[in-house]
Amino acid sequence: GDWQAEFDRIVDDAAREAFRLLCQQQAGGAYLYYVPSTAAEWGRLVPVTDGGHPPAGAVLGEAQRIPGDRTVQGIRAWIHERARRLPLIPFGGVS
């Protein structure tokens, strides 16, 4: 399997969701949370608005807010940079 493609898809989805949330927010911002991977399952990136409720099991992935003044591509680059050091890849190995 191509784990890089799956990783990129997770980052792409998070960037689009973050951009959508930030466009809806007049004030405030959003933070990048993640749900860690398990042995068999990929982790997830979960953008959450300021004052929003992260899903169960989600951990704050970065203390800084997701930058609100960027394009989708800019947000994607910001998320990608941080996602690389988060436990998103299944630790049982990728088939």
N, C-alpha and C. Protein backbone atom coordinates (compact mmCIF):
# COMPACT_ATOMS: atom_id res chain seq x y z
N GLY A 1 0.83 -1.21 0.00
CA GLY A 1 0.00 0.00 0.00
C GLY A 1 0.86 1.26 0.00
N ASP A 2 0.32 2.33 -0.48
CA ASP A 2 1.07 3.57 -0.54
C ASP A 2 0.70 4.45 0.64
N TRP A 3 1.47 4.34 1.72
CA TRP A 3 1.11 5.09 2.93
C TRP A 3 1.22 6.59 2.70
N GLN A 4 2.12 7.02 1.81
CA GLN A 4 2.29 8.46 1.57
C GLN A 4 1.01 9.06 0.99
N ALA A 5 0.37 8.33 0.10
CA ALA A 5 -0.89 8.81 -0.51
C ALA A 5 -1.98 8.93 0.55
N GLU A 6 -2.04 7.96 1.46
CA GLU A 6 -3.05 8.01 2.53
C GLU A 6 -2.76 9.18 3.47
N PHE A 7 -1.50 9.36 3.82
CA PHE A 7 -1.09 10.47 4.68
C PHE A 7 -1.49 11.80 4.03
N ASP A 8 -1.19 11.94 2.73
CA ASP A 8 -1.54 13.17 2.01
C ASP A 8 -3.04 13.40 1.99
N ARG A 9 -3.82 12.32 1.85
CA ARG A 9 -5.27 12.45 1.84
C ARG A 9 -5.79 12.97 3.18
N ILE A 10 -5.21 12.45 4.27
CA ILE A 10 -5.59 12.90 5.62
C ILE A 10 -5.29 14.40 5.78
N VAL A 11 -4.13 14.82 5.30
CA VAL A 11 -3.73 16.23 5.37
C VAL A 11 -4.65 17.09 4.49
N ASP A 12 -4.94 16.64 3.27
CA ASP A 12 -5.82 17.37 2.36
C ASP A 12 -7.20 17.59 2.97
N ASP A 13 -7.76 16.51 3.53
CA ASP A 13 -9.10 16.60 4.13
C ASP A 13 -9.11 17.59 5.28
N ALA A 14 -8.07 17.54 6.10
CA ALA A 14 -8.00 18.45 7.25
C ALA A 14 -7.85 19.90 6.80
N ALA A 15 -7.07 20.12 5.74
CA ALA A 15 -6.87 21.49 5.23
C ALA A 15 -8.18 22.06 4.70
N ARG A 16 -8.93 21.25 3.96
CA ARG A 16 -10.22 21.71 3.43
C ARG A 16 -11.20 22.02 4.54
N GLU A 17 -11.23 21.14 5.54
CA GLU A 17 -12.13 21.34 6.68
C GLU A 17 -11.73 22.59 7.48
N ALA A 18 -10.43 22.77 7.70
CA ALA A 18 -9.94 23.94 8.44
C ALA A 18 -10.30 25.22 7.68
N PHE A 19 -10.11 25.21 6.36
CA PHE A 19 -10.42 26.38 5.54
C PHE A 19 -11.91 26.71 5.63
N ARG A 20 -12.74 25.66 5.57
CA ARG A 20 -14.20 25.84 5.66
C ARG A 20 -14.58 26.46 7.01
N LEU A 21 -14.00 25.92 8.09
CA LEU A 21 -14.30 26.43 9.43
C LEU A 21 -13.86 27.89 9.56
N LEU A 22 -12.67 28.19 9.04
CA LEU A 22 -12.13 29.55 9.17
C LEU A 22 -12.92 30.55 8.34
N CYS A 23 -13.45 30.10 7.20
CA CYS A 23 -14.27 30.99 6.37
C CYS A 23 -15.59 31.31 7.06
N GLN A 24 -16.10 30.37 7.84
CA GLN A 24 -17.37 30.57 8.55
C GLN A 24 -17.20 31.44 9.80
N GLN A 25 -16.00 31.43 10.35
CA GLN A 25 -15.74 32.15 11.59
C GLN A 25 -15.45 33.61 11.28
N GLN A 26 -16.22 34.49 11.83
CA GLN A 26 -15.89 35.91 11.64
C GLN A 26 -14.72 36.27 12.55
N ALA A 27 -14.79 35.80 13.77
CA ALA A 27 -13.71 36.06 14.73
C ALA A 27 -13.27 34.72 15.30
N GLY A 28 -12.20 34.74 16.06
CA GLY A 28 -11.72 33.48 16.63
C GLY A 28 -10.98 32.70 15.58
N GLY A 29 -10.64 31.51 15.89
CA GLY A 29 -9.87 30.70 14.96
C GLY A 29 -10.16 29.24 15.15
N ALA A 30 -9.22 28.42 14.73
CA ALA A 30 -9.38 26.98 14.86
C ALA A 30 -8.04 26.37 15.25
N TYR A 31 -8.12 25.23 15.91
CA TYR A 31 -6.94 24.51 16.36
C TYR A 31 -6.89 23.13 15.73
N LEU A 32 -5.68 22.61 15.58
CA LEU A 32 -5.50 21.29 14.98
C LEU A 32 -5.43 20.23 16.08
N TYR A 33 -6.44 19.38 16.12
CA TYR A 33 -6.44 18.22 17.01
C TYR A 33 -6.16 16.98 16.16
N TYR A 34 -5.82 15.90 16.84
CA TYR A 34 -5.67 14.63 16.13
C TYR A 34 -6.17 13.51 17.01
N VAL A 35 -6.63 12.46 16.36
CA VAL A 35 -6.95 11.20 17.04
C VAL A 35 -5.82 10.25 16.67
N PRO A 36 -5.05 9.78 17.66
CA PRO A 36 -3.87 8.96 17.35
C PRO A 36 -4.23 7.66 16.63
N SER A 37 -3.27 7.15 15.87
CA SER A 37 -3.45 5.87 15.20
C SER A 37 -3.45 4.74 16.23
N THR A 38 -3.95 3.58 15.79
CA THR A 38 -3.83 2.35 16.58
C THR A 38 -2.91 1.42 15.79
N ALA A 39 -2.82 0.18 16.22
CA ALA A 39 -1.97 -0.77 15.48
C ALA A 39 -2.45 -0.93 14.04
N ALA A 40 -3.76 -0.93 13.84
CA ALA A 40 -4.32 -1.23 12.52
C ALA A 40 -4.95 -0.02 11.82
N GLU A 41 -5.35 0.98 12.60
CA GLU A 41 -6.11 2.11 12.04
C GLU A 41 -5.26 3.36 11.93
N TRP A 42 -5.47 4.10 10.84
CA TRP A 42 -4.83 5.40 10.70
C TRP A 42 -5.43 6.37 11.72
N GLY A 43 -4.61 7.32 12.15
CA GLY A 43 -5.12 8.41 12.96
C GLY A 43 -5.89 9.39 12.11
N ARG A 44 -6.45 10.42 12.74
CA ARG A 44 -7.21 11.44 12.01
C ARG A 44 -6.76 12.81 12.47
N LEU A 45 -6.83 13.77 11.57
CA LEU A 45 -6.60 15.17 11.91
C LEU A 45 -7.97 15.83 12.00
N VAL A 46 -8.18 16.57 13.08
CA VAL A 46 -9.50 17.16 13.32
C VAL A 46 -9.37 18.65 13.66
N PRO A 47 -9.62 19.54 12.69
CA PRO A 47 -9.64 20.96 13.01
C PRO A 47 -10.87 21.27 13.86
N VAL A 48 -10.68 22.04 14.93
CA VAL A 48 -11.79 22.38 15.84
C VAL A 48 -11.77 23.88 16.08
N THR A 49 -12.94 24.51 15.95
CA THR A 49 -13.00 25.96 16.16
C THR A 49 -12.75 26.29 17.62
N ASP A 50 -12.29 27.50 17.84
CA ASP A 50 -12.08 28.04 19.18
C ASP A 50 -13.38 27.90 19.95
N GLY A 51 -13.35 27.19 21.06
CA GLY A 51 -14.57 26.99 21.83
C GLY A 51 -15.41 25.83 21.34
N GLY A 52 -14.97 25.17 20.26
CA GLY A 52 -15.68 23.99 19.77
C GLY A 52 -15.32 22.77 20.60
N HIS A 53 -15.98 21.67 20.32
CA HIS A 53 -15.74 20.45 21.11
C HIS A 53 -15.03 19.40 20.26
N PRO A 54 -13.78 19.11 20.59
CA PRO A 54 -13.08 18.04 19.87
C PRO A 54 -13.75 16.69 20.12
N PRO A 55 -13.65 15.76 19.17
CA PRO A 55 -14.24 14.43 19.38
C PRO A 55 -13.53 13.67 20.49
N ALA A 56 -14.18 12.67 21.01
CA ALA A 56 -13.60 11.84 22.07
C ALA A 56 -12.28 11.25 21.60
N GLY A 57 -11.29 11.29 22.46
CA GLY A 57 -9.99 10.71 22.13
C GLY A 57 -9.06 11.64 21.37
N ALA A 58 -9.54 12.84 21.04
CA ALA A 58 -8.70 13.76 20.28
C ALA A 58 -7.75 14.52 21.21
N VAL A 59 -6.56 14.79 20.70
CA VAL A 59 -5.50 15.46 21.44
C VAL A 59 -5.10 16.71 20.66
N LEU A 60 -4.77 17.78 21.38
CA LEU A 60 -4.32 19.00 20.70
C LEU A 60 -2.97 18.72 20.03
N GLY A 61 -2.90 18.99 18.73
CA GLY A 61 -1.68 18.67 17.98
C GLY A 61 -0.70 19.82 17.88
N GLU A 62 -1.17 21.02 18.17
CA GLU A 62 -0.33 22.22 18.03
C GLU A 62 -0.96 23.34 18.85
N ALA A 63 -0.14 23.97 19.70
CA ALA A 63 -0.66 25.03 20.59
C ALA A 63 -1.07 26.29 19.81
N GLN A 64 -0.40 26.53 18.69
CA GLN A 64 -0.72 27.70 17.85
C GLN A 64 -2.02 27.48 17.10
N ARG A 65 -2.75 28.55 16.86
CA ARG A 65 -3.94 28.44 16.01
C ARG A 65 -3.55 28.14 14.57
N ILE A 66 -4.44 27.50 13.86
CA ILE A 66 -4.28 27.32 12.41
C ILE A 66 -4.33 28.73 11.81
N PRO A 67 -3.37 29.12 10.98
CA PRO A 67 -3.36 30.49 10.45
C PRO A 67 -4.61 30.78 9.63
N GLY A 68 -5.30 31.85 9.96
CA GLY A 68 -6.56 32.17 9.32
C GLY A 68 -6.43 33.04 8.09
N ASP A 69 -5.20 33.45 7.79
CA ASP A 69 -5.00 34.42 6.70
C ASP A 69 -4.39 33.77 5.47
N ARG A 70 -4.55 32.46 5.34
CA ARG A 70 -3.90 31.75 4.24
C ARG A 70 -4.92 31.11 3.31
N THR A 71 -4.46 30.78 2.12
CA THR A 71 -5.26 30.00 1.18
C THR A 71 -5.34 28.56 1.67
N VAL A 72 -6.15 27.76 1.01
CA VAL A 72 -6.20 26.33 1.32
C VAL A 72 -4.80 25.72 1.20
N GLN A 73 -4.05 26.11 0.17
CA GLN A 73 -2.70 25.56 -0.01
C GLN A 73 -1.78 25.96 1.15
N GLY A 74 -1.92 27.19 1.60
CA GLY A 74 -1.11 27.66 2.73
C GLY A 74 -1.44 26.93 4.02
N ILE A 75 -2.72 26.70 4.24
CA ILE A 75 -3.16 25.95 5.43
C ILE A 75 -2.68 24.50 5.33
N ARG A 76 -2.75 23.96 4.11
CA ARG A 76 -2.30 22.58 3.92
C ARG A 76 -0.82 22.42 4.26
N ALA A 77 -0.02 23.39 3.83
CA ALA A 77 1.43 23.35 4.12
C ALA A 77 1.68 23.42 5.62
N TRP A 78 0.91 24.28 6.30
CA TRP A 78 1.05 24.45 7.75
C TRP A 78 0.69 23.16 8.47
N ILE A 79 -0.43 22.54 8.05
CA ILE A 79 -0.88 21.29 8.68
C ILE A 79 0.10 20.16 8.38
N HIS A 80 0.58 20.09 7.13
CA HIS A 80 1.50 19.02 6.73
C HIS A 80 2.76 19.04 7.60
N GLU A 81 3.28 20.24 7.81
CA GLU A 81 4.49 20.42 8.62
C GLU A 81 4.31 19.81 10.02
N ARG A 82 3.13 20.00 10.61
CA ARG A 82 2.87 19.50 11.96
C ARG A 82 2.46 18.03 11.96
N ALA A 83 1.72 17.63 10.94
CA ALA A 83 1.22 16.26 10.88
C ALA A 83 2.35 15.24 10.81
N ARG A 84 3.47 15.64 10.24
CA ARG A 84 4.60 14.72 10.08
C ARG A 84 5.12 14.22 11.42
N ARG A 85 4.92 15.00 12.49
CA ARG A 85 5.43 14.54 13.79
C ARG A 85 4.31 14.03 14.71
N LEU A 86 3.12 13.84 14.18
CA LEU A 86 2.02 13.30 14.98
C LEU A 86 1.85 11.81 14.67
N PRO A 87 1.37 11.04 15.66
CA PRO A 87 1.22 9.58 15.46
C PRO A 87 -0.03 9.25 14.64
N LEU A 88 0.10 9.35 13.33
CA LEU A 88 -1.04 9.12 12.44
C LEU A 88 -0.96 7.80 11.68
N ILE A 89 0.27 7.29 11.53
CA ILE A 89 0.47 6.07 10.76
C ILE A 89 0.26 4.86 11.69
N PRO A 90 -0.48 3.84 11.24
CA PRO A 90 -0.71 2.66 12.11
C PRO A 90 0.62 2.07 12.59
N PHE A 91 0.72 1.86 13.91
CA PHE A 91 2.03 1.41 14.43
C PHE A 91 2.21 -0.09 14.27
N GLY A 92 1.19 -0.79 13.81
CA GLY A 92 1.35 -2.21 13.49
C GLY A 92 1.96 -2.40 12.11
N GLY A 93 2.23 -1.27 11.44
CA GLY A 93 2.79 -1.35 10.09
C GLY A 93 1.70 -1.10 9.07
N VAL A 94 2.09 -0.67 7.90
CA VAL A 94 1.16 -0.36 6.82
C VAL A 94 1.25 -1.45 5.78
N SER A 95 0.13 -2.08 5.48
CA SER A 95 0.14 -3.19 4.52
C SER A 95 0.29 -2.66 3.10
